[in-house]
Structure formats: C-alpha cells, structure tokens
Amino acid sequence: MHIRVDIGRQCLGLFGDDGACIRRYPVSTALNGAGEEAGSQRTPRGRHRIRARIGAGAPAGAVFRGR
C-alpha cells in the first residue's frame, strides 16, 4: 500500500499494491503552497515515509496548532 497527496486537488489517495485506489480523503496542505526550502512553511513534494501519527483520539475536524 501507499498514499499519494494531490496538492492541487487537496486530496489524499490510498492505493493498493496493484495500483488501484482504495479510498480518497480530503486534506489540507500548506497555505504557502508546495516547496522544499527549509523553514519555508510549504508542503514538501517527493517520496516520504510516515514516521509518526499525531491526533489519535482527537475529534473529527480538530485543528492542531504547533506540536
């Protein structure tokens, strides 16, 4: 399985090993758009690994400000 985030459509897709889309979710990416410069407050493009999950048990629609 893998995920893909479409920044333009603000959508995350969950894909199976066969490449078929299993589910789609709305997402919110950086207000400053896409970019890779450190400290730019932009959404980085490229391949990434998920290493942590925050917000377990938070209500749907919760807004997280600063960790």
N, C-alpha and C. Protein backbone atom coordinates (compact mmCIF):
# COMPACT_ATOMS: atom_id res chain seq x y z
N MET A 1 0.83 -1.18 0.00
CA MET A 1 0.00 0.00 0.00
C MET A 1 0.87 1.24 0.00
N HIS A 2 0.32 2.30 -0.55
CA HIS A 2 0.98 3.60 -0.48
C HIS A 2 -0.08 4.69 -0.59
N ILE A 3 0.33 5.90 -0.22
CA ILE A 3 -0.57 7.04 -0.34
C ILE A 3 0.02 8.04 -1.30
N ARG A 4 -0.85 8.81 -1.92
CA ARG A 4 -0.44 9.92 -2.78
C ARG A 4 -1.27 11.13 -2.38
N VAL A 5 -0.61 12.28 -2.28
CA VAL A 5 -1.31 13.52 -1.97
C VAL A 5 -1.29 14.39 -3.22
N ASP A 6 -2.46 14.81 -3.66
CA ASP A 6 -2.59 15.73 -4.79
C ASP A 6 -2.78 17.12 -4.19
N ILE A 7 -1.73 17.93 -4.21
CA ILE A 7 -1.77 19.25 -3.58
C ILE A 7 -2.81 20.14 -4.25
N GLY A 8 -2.87 20.11 -5.57
CA GLY A 8 -3.82 20.95 -6.30
C GLY A 8 -5.27 20.64 -5.98
N ARG A 9 -5.57 19.37 -5.81
CA ARG A 9 -6.95 18.94 -5.51
C ARG A 9 -7.21 18.81 -4.01
N GLN A 10 -6.16 18.97 -3.18
CA GLN A 10 -6.28 18.82 -1.73
C GLN A 10 -6.91 17.47 -1.39
N CYS A 11 -6.32 16.41 -1.95
CA CYS A 11 -6.88 15.07 -1.82
C CYS A 11 -5.76 14.06 -1.56
N LEU A 12 -6.01 13.13 -0.63
CA LEU A 12 -5.09 12.03 -0.37
C LEU A 12 -5.74 10.76 -0.89
N GLY A 13 -4.99 9.98 -1.65
CA GLY A 13 -5.49 8.70 -2.14
C GLY A 13 -4.73 7.56 -1.51
N LEU A 14 -5.44 6.53 -1.09
CA LEU A 14 -4.84 5.31 -0.56
C LEU A 14 -4.89 4.27 -1.67
N PHE A 15 -3.73 3.73 -2.05
CA PHE A 15 -3.63 2.81 -3.17
C PHE A 15 -3.10 1.46 -2.72
N GLY A 16 -3.67 0.41 -3.29
CA GLY A 16 -3.22 -0.95 -3.01
C GLY A 16 -1.97 -1.29 -3.80
N ASP A 17 -1.39 -2.44 -3.53
CA ASP A 17 -0.19 -2.88 -4.23
C ASP A 17 -0.41 -3.04 -5.73
N ASP A 18 -1.65 -3.24 -6.14
CA ASP A 18 -1.96 -3.37 -7.56
C ASP A 18 -2.17 -2.02 -8.24
N GLY A 19 -2.04 -0.92 -7.49
CA GLY A 19 -2.19 0.42 -8.04
C GLY A 19 -3.61 0.95 -8.03
N ALA A 20 -4.57 0.13 -7.60
CA ALA A 20 -5.97 0.56 -7.57
C ALA A 20 -6.22 1.46 -6.37
N CYS A 21 -6.98 2.53 -6.59
CA CYS A 21 -7.33 3.43 -5.49
C CYS A 21 -8.38 2.77 -4.61
N ILE A 22 -8.06 2.67 -3.32
CA ILE A 22 -8.95 2.04 -2.36
C ILE A 22 -9.89 3.07 -1.73
N ARG A 23 -9.34 4.24 -1.43
CA ARG A 23 -10.13 5.26 -0.74
C ARG A 23 -9.49 6.62 -0.97
N ARG A 24 -10.30 7.67 -0.92
CA ARG A 24 -9.81 9.05 -1.04
C ARG A 24 -10.29 9.85 0.18
N TYR A 25 -9.44 10.78 0.60
CA TYR A 25 -9.76 11.62 1.75
C TYR A 25 -9.41 13.07 1.43
N PRO A 26 -10.18 14.04 1.92
CA PRO A 26 -9.79 15.44 1.77
C PRO A 26 -8.64 15.75 2.73
N VAL A 27 -7.71 16.59 2.30
CA VAL A 27 -6.59 17.01 3.14
C VAL A 27 -6.41 18.51 3.03
N SER A 28 -5.63 19.06 3.92
CA SER A 28 -5.28 20.47 3.88
C SER A 28 -3.77 20.56 3.88
N THR A 29 -3.21 21.20 2.86
CA THR A 29 -1.76 21.37 2.77
C THR A 29 -1.41 22.82 3.08
N ALA A 30 -0.12 23.14 3.04
CA ALA A 30 0.37 24.45 3.45
C ALA A 30 -0.25 25.60 2.65
N LEU A 31 -0.58 26.66 3.36
CA LEU A 31 -1.12 27.87 2.74
C LEU A 31 -0.13 28.47 1.74
N ASN A 32 1.18 28.27 2.00
CA ASN A 32 2.22 28.83 1.14
C ASN A 32 2.49 28.00 -0.10
N GLY A 33 1.73 26.94 -0.31
CA GLY A 33 1.91 26.11 -1.50
C GLY A 33 2.98 25.05 -1.31
N ALA A 34 3.49 24.55 -2.43
CA ALA A 34 4.50 23.49 -2.40
C ALA A 34 5.90 24.07 -2.49
N GLY A 35 6.85 23.40 -1.85
CA GLY A 35 8.24 23.82 -1.91
C GLY A 35 9.09 23.03 -0.94
N GLU A 36 10.37 23.00 -1.20
CA GLU A 36 11.28 22.17 -0.41
C GLU A 36 12.28 22.94 0.45
N GLU A 37 12.27 24.26 0.40
CA GLU A 37 13.25 25.03 1.16
C GLU A 37 12.95 24.94 2.66
N ALA A 38 13.97 24.63 3.44
CA ALA A 38 13.81 24.50 4.90
C ALA A 38 13.27 25.80 5.48
N GLY A 39 12.27 25.69 6.35
CA GLY A 39 11.69 26.85 7.01
C GLY A 39 10.73 27.66 6.16
N SER A 40 10.40 27.17 4.97
CA SER A 40 9.54 27.93 4.05
C SER A 40 8.06 27.83 4.39
N GLN A 41 7.70 26.92 5.30
CA GLN A 41 6.30 26.68 5.65
C GLN A 41 5.49 26.24 4.44
N ARG A 42 6.13 25.48 3.55
CA ARG A 42 5.48 24.94 2.36
C ARG A 42 5.35 23.42 2.48
N THR A 43 4.48 22.84 1.68
CA THR A 43 4.32 21.38 1.66
C THR A 43 5.40 20.78 0.78
N PRO A 44 6.27 19.92 1.34
CA PRO A 44 7.34 19.32 0.53
C PRO A 44 6.80 18.27 -0.44
N ARG A 45 7.35 18.29 -1.65
CA ARG A 45 6.99 17.27 -2.64
C ARG A 45 8.00 16.15 -2.57
N GLY A 46 7.69 15.03 -3.18
CA GLY A 46 8.62 13.92 -3.25
C GLY A 46 8.11 12.70 -2.51
N ARG A 47 9.00 11.74 -2.34
CA ARG A 47 8.65 10.49 -1.63
C ARG A 47 9.06 10.63 -0.17
N HIS A 48 8.15 10.26 0.71
CA HIS A 48 8.38 10.39 2.14
C HIS A 48 7.87 9.15 2.86
N ARG A 49 8.41 8.90 4.04
CA ARG A 49 7.94 7.81 4.89
C ARG A 49 7.22 8.41 6.08
N ILE A 50 6.12 7.78 6.48
CA ILE A 50 5.39 8.23 7.66
C ILE A 50 6.10 7.66 8.88
N ARG A 51 6.51 8.52 9.80
CA ARG A 51 7.24 8.06 10.97
C ARG A 51 6.50 8.29 12.28
N ALA A 52 5.44 9.10 12.26
CA ALA A 52 4.69 9.36 13.48
C ALA A 52 3.26 9.73 13.13
N ARG A 53 2.38 9.49 14.07
CA ARG A 53 0.98 9.86 13.90
C ARG A 53 0.57 10.71 15.09
N ILE A 54 -0.01 11.87 14.81
CA ILE A 54 -0.47 12.73 15.89
C ILE A 54 -1.99 12.81 15.85
N GLY A 55 -2.58 13.13 16.95
CA GLY A 55 -4.02 13.36 16.98
C GLY A 55 -4.88 12.14 17.20
N ALA A 56 -4.30 11.01 17.56
CA ALA A 56 -5.12 9.82 17.82
C ALA A 56 -6.13 10.15 18.92
N GLY A 57 -7.38 9.88 18.67
CA GLY A 57 -8.42 10.15 19.65
C GLY A 57 -8.99 11.55 19.59
N ALA A 58 -8.44 12.41 18.72
CA ALA A 58 -8.98 13.76 18.58
C ALA A 58 -10.29 13.71 17.81
N PRO A 59 -11.19 14.63 18.09
CA PRO A 59 -12.46 14.63 17.36
C PRO A 59 -12.26 15.00 15.89
N ALA A 60 -13.17 14.54 15.04
CA ALA A 60 -13.11 14.88 13.62
C ALA A 60 -13.16 16.39 13.46
N GLY A 61 -12.33 16.92 12.59
CA GLY A 61 -12.31 18.36 12.34
C GLY A 61 -11.43 19.15 13.29
N ALA A 62 -10.73 18.46 14.20
CA ALA A 62 -9.86 19.15 15.15
C ALA A 62 -8.75 19.88 14.40
N VAL A 63 -8.36 21.03 14.91
CA VAL A 63 -7.28 21.81 14.32
C VAL A 63 -6.08 21.73 15.26
N PHE A 64 -4.93 21.36 14.71
CA PHE A 64 -3.71 21.24 15.51
C PHE A 64 -2.83 22.45 15.25
N ARG A 65 -2.44 23.12 16.31
CA ARG A 65 -1.58 24.30 16.19
C ARG A 65 -0.31 24.05 16.98
N GLY A 66 0.80 23.99 16.29
CA GLY A 66 2.09 23.77 16.94
C GLY A 66 2.12 22.50 17.76
N ARG A 67 3.12 21.72 17.57
CA ARG A 67 3.25 20.48 18.33
C ARG A 67 4.26 20.72 19.39
